[in-house]
Amino acid sequence: MKGTEVAIGRRREQGGFTMTPLIDCVFLLLIFFMIATTFAPLPGIRVKLPPPGTPPPGTAKPEQFILRVSDPDPGMSYGTMVLNDQVVSMEMLLGNFQRGTLKQKEMLIIQSGRDVYHDQIVEVMDLAKRADIKKIGFAMVARY
């Protein structure tokens, strides 16, 4: 018999592609993305910084609290705080906020250096909210 092959005792396997490892990888990726998308976003504070520059001439400076926080000295955790040209500590700040006039309690403007720790700014914001200050703004000091 010409052209006929008979395989006795042997089984001929066809070459092919097994899908099992591919399916395993697809399921692992599916599980990973399902878990990764269920994380809730962390709550934060929205901060809208003013554009750099000076205010237009003729605008009156409103009476409000202005807190300047300098960069902390090496080895210190807090920078020096100056509230309306008076040096204050964190302990004195709440009392000064509470003794403010209604106009001053409308807004607190915080000017801080680049190296001030967020912990200090958040603590100041907490004290301001406890003293019923309605708005908190952040000012940028232009450096030349």
Protein backbone atom coordinates (compact mmCIF):
# COMPACT_ATOMS: atom_id res chain seq x y z
CA MET A 1 0.00 0.00 0.00
CA LYS A 2 1.48 3.05 -1.18
CA GLY A 3 0.71 6.40 0.55
CA THR A 4 -0.96 4.83 3.54
CA GLU A 5 0.68 4.99 6.89
CA VAL A 6 -0.34 2.76 9.65
CA ALA A 7 0.82 3.58 13.14
CA ILE A 8 0.51 0.60 15.32
CA GLY A 9 1.10 1.13 19.03
CA ARG A 10 1.87 4.78 18.55
CA ARG A 11 -0.44 7.69 18.74
CA ARG A 12 0.37 10.67 16.67
CA GLU A 13 -0.30 14.02 18.37
CA GLN A 14 -0.99 17.14 16.51
CA GLY A 15 1.05 20.21 17.38
CA GLY A 16 -1.07 22.91 18.93
CA PHE A 17 -1.47 25.72 21.34
CA THR A 18 -2.75 25.05 24.85
CA MET A 19 -5.11 27.70 26.11
CA THR A 20 -4.95 26.88 29.82
CA PRO A 21 -2.00 29.17 30.78
CA LEU A 22 -3.48 32.01 28.74
CA ILE A 23 -6.86 31.68 30.45
CA ASP A 24 -5.15 31.61 33.87
CA CYS A 25 -3.31 34.86 33.08
CA VAL A 26 -6.49 36.54 31.85
CA PHE A 27 -8.37 35.58 35.03
CA LEU A 28 -5.52 36.82 37.23
CA LEU A 29 -5.50 40.15 35.40
CA LEU A 30 -9.27 40.38 35.69
CA ILE A 31 -9.13 39.77 39.44
CA PHE A 32 -6.31 42.31 39.84
CA PHE A 33 -8.19 45.06 38.01
CA MET A 34 -11.43 44.31 39.86
CA ILE A 35 -9.66 44.70 43.20
CA ALA A 36 -7.64 47.74 42.15
CA THR A 37 -10.69 49.71 41.03
CA THR A 38 -12.57 49.29 44.31
CA PHE A 39 -10.18 51.49 46.31
CA ALA A 40 -11.91 54.63 47.50
CA PRO A 41 -10.14 57.92 46.75
CA LEU A 42 -8.47 59.49 49.75
CA PRO A 43 -10.19 62.59 51.07
CA GLY A 44 -8.19 65.74 50.61
CA ILE A 45 -8.33 69.46 50.72
CA ARG A 46 -8.88 71.36 47.51
CA VAL A 47 -6.54 74.28 47.27
CA LYS A 48 -6.87 76.89 44.58
CA LEU A 49 -3.77 79.02 44.56
CA PRO A 50 -4.03 82.59 43.32
CA PRO A 51 -2.11 83.52 40.22
CA PRO A 52 1.25 85.15 40.92
CA GLY A 53 1.40 88.91 40.73
CA THR A 54 0.32 91.94 42.65
CA PRO A 55 -3.29 93.01 43.18
CA PRO A 56 -4.55 95.72 40.86
CA PRO A 57 -4.07 99.27 42.13
CA GLY A 58 -6.99 100.85 43.91
CA THR A 59 -8.22 97.68 45.60
CA ALA A 60 -8.63 98.23 49.31
CA LYS A 61 -7.02 95.69 51.58
CA PRO A 62 -9.80 94.09 53.62
CA GLU A 63 -9.47 93.78 57.37
CA GLN A 64 -8.78 90.09 57.98
CA PHE A 65 -6.42 87.69 59.67
CA ILE A 66 -3.13 87.25 57.84
CA LEU A 67 -0.88 84.50 59.18
CA ARG A 68 2.69 84.30 57.90
CA VAL A 69 4.52 81.05 58.65
CA SER A 70 8.26 81.00 58.11
CA ASP A 71 10.29 77.93 57.24
CA PRO A 72 11.28 75.98 60.36
CA ASP A 73 14.84 76.23 61.63
CA PRO A 74 16.94 73.07 61.34
CA GLY A 75 15.86 70.57 63.99
CA MET A 76 12.55 72.34 64.65
CA SER A 77 9.17 70.96 63.61
CA TYR A 78 7.26 74.27 63.40
CA GLY A 79 8.14 77.55 61.76
CA THR A 80 7.63 80.95 63.38
CA MET A 81 4.08 82.26 63.00
CA VAL A 82 3.21 85.95 62.72
CA LEU A 83 -0.48 86.86 62.95
CA ASN A 84 -1.16 90.43 61.79
CA ASP A 85 2.39 91.59 62.70
CA GLN A 86 2.38 89.83 66.10
CA VAL A 87 4.45 86.70 66.79
CA VAL A 88 2.19 83.94 68.13
CA SER A 89 2.56 80.34 69.21
CA MET A 90 0.19 77.50 68.39
CA GLU A 91 -1.28 77.69 71.91
CA MET A 92 -2.07 81.43 71.56
CA LEU A 93 -3.52 81.12 68.06
CA LEU A 94 -7.00 79.84 68.98
CA GLY A 95 -7.50 82.63 71.52
CA ASN A 96 -6.41 85.26 69.00
CA PHE A 97 -8.80 83.83 66.40
CA GLN A 98 -11.70 83.80 68.86
CA ARG A 99 -11.07 87.39 69.99
CA GLY A 100 -11.14 88.63 66.40
CA THR A 101 -13.86 90.90 65.07
CA LEU A 102 -16.59 89.67 62.74
CA LYS A 103 -14.76 91.19 59.78
CA GLN A 104 -11.57 89.40 60.75
CA LYS A 105 -13.44 86.11 61.09
CA GLU A 106 -14.61 86.35 57.50
CA MET A 107 -11.29 85.07 56.14
CA LEU A 108 -7.89 83.81 57.21
CA ILE A 109 -5.05 84.16 54.73
CA ILE A 110 -2.10 81.84 55.25
CA GLN A 111 1.27 82.75 53.72
CA SER A 112 3.85 80.04 54.23
CA GLY A 113 7.34 79.20 53.14
CA ARG A 114 8.13 76.28 50.90
CA ASP A 115 9.57 74.10 53.66
CA VAL A 116 6.74 74.45 56.19
CA TYR A 117 5.37 71.06 57.21
CA HIS A 118 1.78 70.28 56.27
CA ASP A 119 1.13 69.24 59.85
CA GLN A 120 1.50 72.84 61.02
CA ILE A 121 -0.76 74.23 58.28
CA VAL A 122 -3.47 71.62 58.94
CA GLU A 123 -3.35 72.35 62.67
CA VAL A 124 -3.77 76.09 61.95
CA MET A 125 -6.71 75.32 59.66
CA ASP A 126 -8.30 73.18 62.40
CA LEU A 127 -7.94 76.01 64.93
CA ALA A 128 -9.46 78.46 62.44
CA LYS A 129 -12.48 76.25 61.92
CA ARG A 130 -12.92 75.84 65.68
CA ALA A 131 -12.90 79.65 65.98
CA ASP A 132 -15.69 79.93 63.33
CA ILE A 133 -13.56 81.53 60.63
CA LYS A 134 -15.61 81.20 57.46
CA LYS A 135 -12.97 81.06 54.73
CA ILE A 136 -9.32 80.09 54.54
CA GLY A 137 -7.13 81.28 51.72
CA PHE A 138 -3.53 80.69 50.75
CA ALA A 139 -1.34 83.50 49.47
CA MET A 140 1.79 83.13 47.47
CA VAL A 141 4.72 85.41 48.15
CA ALA A 142 6.62 86.32 45.01
CA ARG A 143 10.38 85.90 45.30
CA TYR A 144 12.67 87.73 42.98
